[in-house]
């Protein structure tokens, strides 16, 4: 078949790779001039199966209320006259019950484990390099209540096969000596040795290069304006080129992998996707004092930040990313939030990075209320979804790309997951993704 992939970020490029591997003729369309130029450009860098507790959990409603109006809050709802934001927020609250949280953790862990395994297989087969580190991920806590609240989710993850081990503050320091500065504040930690980190943008561009070498076509600088339906199927996609020319691109199947912009293309087709943009921030800075800088990828759950380190011929860099701001499609850089990230880095690892050369970035992460992404079929025979991955796009990219490629090909996915438009035997309820299943 001729398959058109809409979007050249992590999810689009991994979809294209696995579709080509299954023998399809693949074309990828994106408005940017290079792959991975939007949400996949400067994310936190973690392949974190252990980061499976959704934003929507029993402790979230009170925290959100406490954070309202605080410019540097980890999760900031900037209230707007936007019905989509209100509907998303109500669904977010419905997903904060213990039962739904457990269900969503189960889905996220299953997909994450499969995706991490798929990435490792791809890396072994291709030799792809993306500043990867396979030293695990360490979640640390400087608040006793936050640490205590992490114990039950960590136990559920272990039961699902994610070896997220609870460790002492001293053991955390042994794994990552750079935590010595905050040893008096450490309440505890968890460690997942199998987790990884790496530069998602470098991975996307290198995989796109491999795709092109295998015959995948990339139409970059092409702005996608509409999907056109005929007879219960997508007939073509309408695009405008960088020169302003209008074109129709026809295909046998279409994969919608446009992140936060996916709902805007799907809605005219009568497909309502429960996705809202969550603006995330990142800071990248050169390492100033290597002895103070972390080696292991870290997660600061209290501040909703992740820390990675990239060491290559391009230099030794720190990448700190996180927080979420629900403010529509606004991508303005909020300096207060940027300064809060730099301040936290200095509190934890004083002098490790050169803040005078910090580079700031924002990206719109396509968040579902449940944090469970939308992968699979829609009500239109030849339109498929690979979107809604929120903060875990890098973690879930390879598993999602391989799964949607198999579904497009008429093959069964290799994992038990709440794929859209397909039965799911393991989960007792699909309520968290009900809107997607209606699609």
Protein backbone atom coordinates (compact mmCIF):
# COMPACT_ATOMS: atom_id res chain seq x y z
CA UNK A 1 0.00 0.00 0.00
CA UNK A 2 0.90 3.63 -0.33
CA UNK A 3 0.79 5.03 3.21
CA UNK A 4 0.85 8.75 3.96
CA UNK A 5 2.21 9.66 7.40
CA UNK A 6 1.13 13.09 8.61
CA UNK A 7 3.85 14.50 10.85
CA UNK A 8 7.64 14.08 10.92
CA UNK A 9 8.20 14.06 14.66
CA UNK A 10 9.20 11.04 16.71
CA UNK A 11 5.85 9.31 16.24
CA UNK A 12 5.63 10.03 12.53
CA UNK A 13 9.18 8.94 11.72
CA UNK A 14 9.01 5.74 13.78
CA UNK A 15 5.68 4.94 12.10
CA UNK A 16 7.30 5.47 8.69
CA UNK A 17 10.27 3.29 9.59
CA UNK A 18 8.19 0.30 10.64
CA UNK A 19 5.71 0.74 7.77
CA UNK A 20 8.60 0.64 5.31
CA UNK A 21 9.96 -2.45 7.08
CA UNK A 22 6.62 -4.14 6.38
CA UNK A 23 6.91 -3.39 2.68
CA UNK A 24 4.76 -0.28 2.23
CA UNK A 25 5.48 2.72 0.03
CA UNK A 26 5.64 5.55 2.57
CA UNK A 27 5.47 9.33 2.27
CA UNK A 28 5.91 11.61 5.31
CA UNK A 29 4.52 15.16 5.23
CA UNK A 30 5.42 17.94 7.66
CA UNK A 31 5.30 21.74 7.65
CA UNK A 32 8.78 22.09 9.15
CA UNK A 33 11.96 22.00 7.10
CA UNK A 34 13.49 19.11 9.06
CA UNK A 35 12.24 16.07 10.98
CA UNK A 36 11.73 16.39 14.73
CA UNK A 37 11.54 20.19 14.64
CA UNK A 38 8.62 20.74 17.02
CA UNK A 39 7.67 18.71 20.12
CA UNK A 40 10.52 16.25 19.46
CA UNK A 41 13.13 19.02 19.26
CA UNK A 42 14.32 19.54 22.85
CA UNK A 43 12.43 17.24 25.19
CA UNK A 44 13.72 15.72 28.41
CA UNK A 45 15.52 12.82 26.76
CA UNK A 46 14.22 9.98 28.93
CA UNK A 47 13.12 6.50 27.90
CA UNK A 48 11.24 6.19 31.17
CA UNK A 49 8.96 3.20 31.63
CA UNK A 50 9.14 4.11 35.33
CA UNK A 51 7.50 7.48 34.67
CA UNK A 52 4.12 5.78 34.37
CA UNK A 53 2.04 7.52 37.02
CA UNK A 54 -0.27 9.85 35.05
CA UNK A 55 -0.66 13.54 35.84
CA UNK A 56 -4.30 12.66 36.64
CA UNK A 57 -4.06 10.79 39.94
CA UNK A 58 -5.81 11.04 43.33
CA UNK A 59 -3.39 13.71 44.61
CA UNK A 60 -3.69 15.94 41.53
CA UNK A 61 -6.93 17.94 42.18
CA UNK A 62 -5.67 19.47 45.42
CA UNK A 63 -2.26 20.21 43.90
CA UNK A 64 -3.84 21.89 40.87
CA UNK A 65 -5.91 24.12 43.17
CA UNK A 66 -2.81 25.04 45.17
CA UNK A 67 -0.90 25.83 41.97
CA UNK A 68 -3.59 28.03 40.36
CA UNK A 69 -2.19 31.46 39.56
CA UNK A 70 1.42 30.51 40.37
CA UNK A 71 3.53 31.29 37.32
CA UNK A 72 6.22 28.80 38.32
CA UNK A 73 3.84 25.95 39.22
CA UNK A 74 4.77 22.49 37.87
CA UNK A 75 1.26 22.11 36.38
CA UNK A 76 -0.42 25.39 35.48
CA UNK A 77 -4.00 25.58 34.24
CA UNK A 78 -4.22 29.01 32.66
CA UNK A 79 -8.01 29.34 32.58
CA UNK A 80 -9.31 30.39 29.16
CA UNK A 81 -12.66 30.85 27.48
CA UNK A 82 -11.93 27.66 25.58
CA UNK A 83 -14.55 24.91 25.67
CA UNK A 84 -11.98 22.29 24.63
CA UNK A 85 -9.85 23.19 27.64
CA UNK A 86 -12.83 22.94 30.02
CA UNK A 87 -13.96 19.58 28.62
CA UNK A 88 -10.40 18.28 28.81
CA UNK A 89 -10.11 19.51 32.40
CA UNK A 90 -13.34 17.76 33.43
CA UNK A 91 -12.13 14.52 31.88
CA UNK A 92 -8.79 15.00 33.66
CA UNK A 93 -10.63 15.19 36.99
CA UNK A 94 -12.63 12.04 36.17
CA UNK A 95 -9.33 10.23 35.64
CA UNK A 96 -8.08 11.13 39.13
CA UNK A 97 -9.88 8.26 40.87
CA UNK A 98 -7.75 5.39 42.24
CA UNK A 99 -9.34 2.84 39.87
CA UNK A 100 -8.75 4.90 36.75
CA UNK A 101 -5.23 5.76 37.85
CA UNK A 102 -4.40 2.06 38.25
CA UNK A 103 -5.91 1.29 34.85
CA UNK A 104 -3.94 4.07 33.17
CA UNK A 105 -0.67 3.05 34.83
CA UNK A 106 -1.22 -0.47 33.48
CA UNK A 107 -1.60 0.80 29.92
CA UNK A 108 1.36 3.16 30.17
CA UNK A 109 3.70 0.52 31.62
CA UNK A 110 2.74 -2.10 29.03
CA UNK A 111 3.34 0.25 26.11
CA UNK A 112 6.50 1.67 27.68
CA UNK A 113 8.12 -1.72 28.28
CA UNK A 114 7.33 -2.90 24.77
CA UNK A 115 8.56 0.37 23.29
CA UNK A 116 11.85 0.31 25.20
CA UNK A 117 12.48 -3.26 24.02
CA UNK A 118 11.66 -2.22 20.44
CA UNK A 119 14.08 0.72 20.63
CA UNK A 120 16.86 -1.56 21.85
CA UNK A 121 16.18 -3.98 18.98
CA UNK A 122 16.20 -1.13 16.47
CA UNK A 123 19.46 0.22 17.89
CA UNK A 124 21.10 -3.20 17.65
CA UNK A 125 19.90 -3.67 14.07
CA UNK A 126 20.87 -0.22 12.75
CA UNK A 127 23.72 0.99 14.95
CA UNK A 128 21.91 4.32 15.34
CA UNK A 129 23.58 6.75 17.74
CA UNK A 130 21.79 9.55 19.59
CA UNK A 131 23.91 10.39 22.68
CA UNK A 132 22.23 7.47 24.46
CA UNK A 133 22.99 6.40 28.01
CA UNK A 134 21.88 3.07 29.45
CA UNK A 135 22.49 3.84 33.12
CA UNK A 136 18.89 3.74 34.26
CA UNK A 137 16.66 6.47 35.69
CA UNK A 138 16.64 7.57 39.31
CA UNK A 139 13.57 9.29 40.81
CA UNK A 140 14.56 11.32 43.85
CA UNK A 141 12.37 13.00 46.47
CA UNK A 142 13.12 15.96 48.73
CA UNK A 143 9.67 15.87 50.30
CA UNK A 144 8.63 12.98 52.54
CA UNK A 145 4.97 13.18 51.53
CA UNK A 146 5.89 13.01 47.84
CA UNK A 147 8.12 9.99 48.51
CA UNK A 148 5.43 8.21 50.50
CA UNK A 149 2.92 8.89 47.70
CA UNK A 150 5.25 7.26 45.15
CA UNK A 151 5.46 3.91 46.92
CA UNK A 152 2.10 2.44 45.86
CA UNK A 153 2.48 3.36 42.15
CA UNK A 154 6.02 1.96 42.20
CA UNK A 155 4.70 -1.30 43.65
CA UNK A 156 2.06 -1.52 40.91
CA UNK A 157 4.73 -0.93 38.27
CA UNK A 158 6.84 -3.76 39.71
CA UNK A 159 3.82 -6.07 39.54
CA UNK A 160 3.53 -5.15 35.85
CA UNK A 161 7.17 -6.02 35.19
CA UNK A 162 8.77 -2.58 35.50
CA UNK A 163 11.61 -3.07 38.00
CA UNK A 164 11.28 0.30 39.74
CA UNK A 165 13.05 -0.39 43.04
CA UNK A 166 12.60 1.69 46.18
CA UNK A 167 16.01 2.65 47.56
CA UNK A 168 17.41 4.69 50.43
CA UNK A 169 18.92 8.15 50.15
CA UNK A 170 22.39 6.64 50.70
CA UNK A 171 21.85 4.13 47.90
CA UNK A 172 20.66 6.96 45.64
CA UNK A 173 23.92 8.80 46.34
CA UNK A 174 25.92 5.68 45.52
CA UNK A 175 24.19 5.44 42.13
CA UNK A 176 24.48 9.19 41.48
CA UNK A 177 27.20 10.92 43.55
CA UNK A 178 26.12 14.35 42.24
CA UNK A 179 23.19 14.17 44.69
CA UNK A 180 25.64 14.64 47.58
CA UNK A 181 24.87 18.36 47.78
CA UNK A 182 21.24 17.69 48.71
CA UNK A 183 21.81 14.58 50.83
CA UNK A 184 20.28 16.24 53.96
CA UNK A 185 17.08 16.96 52.01
CA UNK A 186 16.70 13.52 50.38
CA UNK A 187 13.67 11.64 51.68
CA UNK A 188 14.22 8.63 49.44
CA UNK A 189 14.38 7.50 45.84
CA UNK A 190 13.46 4.84 43.32
CA UNK A 191 15.71 3.41 40.63
CA UNK A 192 14.91 1.62 37.38
CA UNK A 193 18.12 0.18 35.94
CA UNK A 194 16.55 -0.82 32.61
CA UNK A 195 15.46 2.73 31.70
CA UNK A 196 17.56 4.88 29.38
CA UNK A 197 18.09 8.37 28.04
CA UNK A 198 19.16 9.98 24.79
CA UNK A 199 18.67 12.92 22.45
CA UNK A 200 15.24 12.48 20.86
CA UNK A 201 15.86 15.04 18.14
CA UNK A 202 19.10 13.39 17.04
CA UNK A 203 17.34 10.01 17.04
CA UNK A 204 14.48 11.36 14.90
CA UNK A 205 16.78 12.88 12.30
CA UNK A 206 19.05 9.84 12.15
CA UNK A 207 16.09 7.48 11.78
CA UNK A 208 14.63 9.74 9.08
CA UNK A 209 17.95 9.48 7.24
CA UNK A 210 17.75 5.67 7.42
CA UNK A 211 14.14 5.85 6.20
CA UNK A 212 15.13 7.97 3.20
CA UNK A 213 17.92 5.57 2.33
CA UNK A 214 15.31 2.77 2.32
CA UNK A 215 12.99 4.69 -0.02
CA UNK A 216 10.69 6.66 2.28
CA UNK A 217 9.82 10.06 0.79
CA UNK A 218 9.78 13.17 2.97
CA UNK A 219 7.77 16.19 1.85
CA UNK A 220 9.05 18.79 4.29
CA UNK A 221 7.96 22.41 4.26
CA UNK A 222 4.45 21.25 3.31
CA UNK A 223 1.66 22.68 5.46
CA UNK A 224 -1.18 20.16 5.89
CA UNK A 225 -4.51 21.99 5.65
CA UNK A 226 -7.18 19.27 5.45
CA UNK A 227 -8.02 15.59 5.15
CA UNK A 228 -10.73 14.94 2.56
CA UNK A 229 -13.18 12.06 2.92
CA UNK A 230 -15.06 10.19 0.19
CA UNK A 231 -17.21 7.11 0.74
CA UNK A 232 -16.17 6.54 4.35
CA UNK A 233 -12.46 6.73 3.54
CA UNK A 234 -9.81 9.38 3.29
CA UNK A 235 -9.31 10.15 -0.38
CA UNK A 236 -6.46 12.63 -0.08
CA UNK A 237 -4.72 15.17 2.09
CA UNK A 238 -4.51 18.81 1.03
CA UNK A 239 -1.23 20.62 1.53
CA UNK A 240 0.34 23.97 0.73
CA UNK A 241 4.01 23.90 -0.24
CA UNK A 242 6.66 26.32 1.01
CA UNK A 243 6.24 28.22 -2.28
CA UNK A 244 2.50 28.53 -1.70
CA UNK A 245 1.33 25.91 -4.22
CA UNK A 246 -1.78 23.89 -3.41
CA UNK A 247 -1.43 20.11 -3.77
CA UNK A 248 -3.45 16.95 -3.17
CA UNK A 249 -1.61 13.88 -1.93
CA UNK A 250 -3.43 10.58 -2.45
CA UNK A 251 -2.78 7.34 -0.61
CA UNK A 252 -4.27 4.00 0.39
CA UNK A 253 -3.90 4.63 4.13
CA UNK A 254 -3.16 7.66 6.31
CA UNK A 255 -1.51 7.83 9.75
CA UNK A 256 -2.29 10.94 11.79
CA UNK A 257 0.80 11.68 13.91
CA UNK A 258 0.63 15.44 14.28
CA UNK A 259 0.72 15.72 18.05
CA UNK A 260 -1.35 18.57 19.47
CA UNK A 261 -2.57 19.52 16.01
CA UNK A 262 -4.15 16.12 15.36
CA UNK A 263 -7.59 17.10 16.80
CA UNK A 264 -7.79 20.11 14.47
CA UNK A 265 -7.50 17.88 11.40
CA UNK A 266 -9.73 15.14 12.79
CA UNK A 267 -12.64 17.29 13.98
CA UNK A 268 -13.99 18.24 10.50
CA UNK A 269 -14.27 14.48 9.85
CA UNK A 270 -16.49 14.03 12.89
CA UNK A 271 -13.67 12.51 14.95
CA UNK A 272 -13.22 14.17 18.33
CA UNK A 273 -9.87 13.41 19.91
CA UNK A 274 -9.45 14.12 23.65
CA UNK A 275 -6.12 15.88 23.18
CA UNK A 276 -5.13 19.29 24.51
CA UNK A 277 -1.71 20.96 24.16
CA UNK A 278 0.36 20.99 27.36
CA UNK A 279 3.20 23.44 26.87
CA UNK A 280 6.42 22.04 28.26
CA UNK A 281 9.72 23.81 28.85
CA UNK A 282 13.32 22.74 28.59
CA UNK A 283 16.71 24.24 29.32
CA UNK A 284 19.93 23.07 27.66
CA UNK A 285 23.26 24.29 28.97
CA UNK A 286 26.92 23.30 28.64
CA UNK A 287 28.49 21.40 31.51
CA UNK A 288 30.63 23.84 33.50
CA UNK A 289 31.91 21.57 36.29
CA UNK A 290 31.83 17.89 35.34
CA UNK A 291 32.41 16.82 38.94
CA UNK A 292 29.11 18.41 40.00
CA UNK A 293 27.07 17.24 37.02
CA UNK A 294 24.90 14.11 37.11
CA UNK A 295 25.71 11.05 34.99
CA UNK A 296 22.48 9.11 35.53
CA UNK A 297 19.21 10.45 34.12
CA UNK A 298 17.12 11.84 36.98
CA UNK A 299 13.48 12.67 37.74
CA UNK A 300 12.51 15.29 40.30
CA UNK A 301 8.87 14.31 40.86
CA UNK A 302 8.11 17.16 43.26
CA UNK A 303 9.01 19.79 40.66
CA UNK A 304 7.98 17.68 37.63
CA UNK A 305 11.42 17.96 36.05
CA UNK A 306 13.67 15.42 34.33
CA UNK A 307 17.44 15.67 33.91
CA UNK A 308 19.53 14.11 31.15
CA UNK A 309 23.12 14.52 30.03
CA UNK A 310 24.36 14.36 26.44
CA UNK A 311 28.06 13.79 25.77
CA UNK A 312 29.26 13.67 22.17
CA UNK A 313 31.46 15.48 19.67
CA UNK A 314 29.01 18.38 20.01
CA UNK A 315 30.08 18.83 23.63
CA UNK A 316 28.93 17.91 27.12
CA UNK A 317 25.41 19.24 27.73
CA UNK A 318 22.74 19.14 30.41
CA UNK A 319 19.08 18.93 29.40
CA UNK A 320 16.46 19.77 32.01
CA UNK A 321 12.82 19.63 30.97
CA UNK A 322 9.35 19.43 32.36
CA UNK A 323 6.40 21.29 33.85
CA UNK A 324 3.15 21.71 31.92
CA UNK A 325 1.14 24.80 31.09
CA UNK A 326 -2.36 24.42 29.65
CA UNK A 327 -2.76 27.62 27.68
CA UNK A 328 -4.09 26.62 24.28
CA UNK A 329 -1.66 26.71 21.36
CA UNK A 330 0.38 29.53 22.84
CA UNK A 331 4.13 28.88 22.59
CA UNK A 332 5.39 32.11 24.15
CA UNK A 333 8.41 31.65 26.39
CA UNK A 334 7.48 32.48 29.98
CA UNK A 335 10.70 33.72 31.57
CA UNK A 336 9.38 33.10 35.09
CA UNK A 337 9.02 29.39 34.33
CA UNK A 338 12.43 29.28 32.64
CA UNK A 339 14.07 30.95 35.63
CA UNK A 340 12.36 28.49 37.99
CA UNK A 341 13.96 25.56 36.16
CA UNK A 342 17.43 27.15 36.25
CA UNK A 343 16.96 27.97 39.93
CA UNK A 344 16.09 24.35 40.73
CA UNK A 345 19.16 23.12 38.82
CA UNK A 346 21.36 25.43 40.86
CA UNK A 347 19.77 24.24 44.10
CA UNK A 348 20.45 20.61 43.24
CA UNK A 349 23.76 20.79 41.35
CA UNK A 350 25.41 24.17 42.01
CA UNK A 351 27.93 25.10 39.36
CA UNK A 352 27.33 21.99 37.26
CA UNK A 353 25.97 23.87 34.25
CA UNK A 354 26.80 27.19 32.63
CA UNK A 355 23.51 29.05 33.07
CA UNK A 356 24.89 32.08 31.20
CA UNK A 357 24.74 29.97 28.02
CA UNK A 358 21.37 28.36 28.73
CA UNK A 359 19.12 27.78 25.73
CA UNK A 360 15.38 27.79 26.45
CA UNK A 361 12.65 26.02 24.49
CA UNK A 362 8.95 25.33 24.66
CA UNK A 363 6.97 22.61 22.93
CA UNK A 364 3.30 21.65 22.79
CA UNK A 365 2.92 18.12 24.11
CA UNK A 366 -0.29 16.38 22.97
CA UNK A 367 -1.87 15.36 26.27
CA UNK A 368 -4.88 13.13 26.81
CA UNK A 369 -6.65 13.44 30.19
CA UNK A 370 -5.55 9.90 31.09
CA UNK A 371 -1.98 10.15 29.68
CA UNK A 372 -2.84 7.06 27.61
CA UNK A 373 -2.06 7.78 23.92
CA UNK A 374 -4.38 7.16 20.98
CA UNK A 375 -3.00 4.44 18.71
CA UNK A 376 -4.99 2.47 16.16
CA UNK A 377 -8.06 2.70 13.94
CA UNK A 378 -10.69 5.39 13.54
CA UNK A 379 -14.23 5.13 12.19
CA UNK A 380 -12.80 5.78 8.70
CA UNK A 381 -11.45 2.60 7.12
CA UNK A 382 -8.05 3.97 6.13
CA UNK A 383 -7.33 6.61 8.78
CA UNK A 384 -5.18 5.57 11.75
CA UNK A 385 -4.00 7.39 14.86
CA UNK A 386 -0.58 7.63 16.50
CA UNK A 387 -0.91 10.67 18.73
CA UNK A 388 -1.71 11.93 22.23
CA UNK A 389 1.50 10.75 23.92
CA UNK A 390 1.87 13.79 26.17
CA UNK A 391 5.15 13.78 28.10
CA UNK A 392 6.01 10.20 27.05
CA UNK A 393 6.38 10.54 23.28
CA UNK A 394 10.05 9.54 23.36
CA UNK A 395 9.41 6.65 25.74
CA UNK A 396 6.54 5.29 23.64
CA UNK A 397 7.70 6.21 20.13
CA UNK A 398 9.18 2.94 18.86
CA UNK A 399 6.47 0.72 20.35
CA UNK A 400 3.73 2.99 19.04
CA UNK A 401 5.29 3.21 15.58
CA UNK A 402 5.67 -0.55 15.30
CA UNK A 403 2.16 -1.17 16.62
CA UNK A 404 0.41 1.24 14.26
CA UNK A 405 2.43 -0.16 11.34
CA UNK A 406 1.14 -3.64 12.15
CA UNK A 407 -2.44 -2.41 12.52
CA UNK A 408 -2.27 -0.58 9.16
CA UNK A 409 -0.95 -3.81 7.62
CA UNK A 410 -3.84 -5.87 9.01
CA UNK A 411 -1.58 -7.61 11.54
CA UNK A 412 -2.29 -8.01 15.24
CA UNK A 413 -0.23 -5.78 17.56
CA UNK A 414 2.35 -7.57 19.68
CA UNK A 415 1.08 -6.27 23.03
CA UNK A 416 -2.15 -6.09 24.98
CA UNK A 417 -3.09 -2.41 25.05
CA UNK A 418 -6.19 -0.24 24.70
CA UNK A 419 -5.71 0.42 20.99
CA UNK A 420 -8.43 2.60 19.49
CA UNK A 421 -11.08 0.75 17.50
CA UNK A 422 -9.93 -2.65 18.76
CA UNK A 423 -10.98 -4.94 21.65
CA UNK A 424 -8.76 -4.96 24.71
CA UNK A 425 -9.03 -8.04 26.84
CA UNK A 426 -6.91 -7.14 29.86
CA UNK A 427 -8.36 -3.80 30.93
CA UNK A 428 -11.61 -3.96 32.94
CA UNK A 429 -12.68 -0.57 31.65
CA UNK A 430 -11.85 1.65 28.73
CA UNK A 431 -13.49 4.72 30.18
CA UNK A 432 -10.31 6.80 30.21
CA UNK A 433 -10.09 6.49 26.43
CA UNK A 434 -13.79 6.32 25.68
CA UNK A 435 -13.76 9.42 23.49
CA UNK A 436 -11.06 7.90 21.37
CA UNK A 437 -12.94 4.64 20.98
CA UNK A 438 -16.00 6.58 19.78
CA UNK A 439 -13.71 7.94 17.07
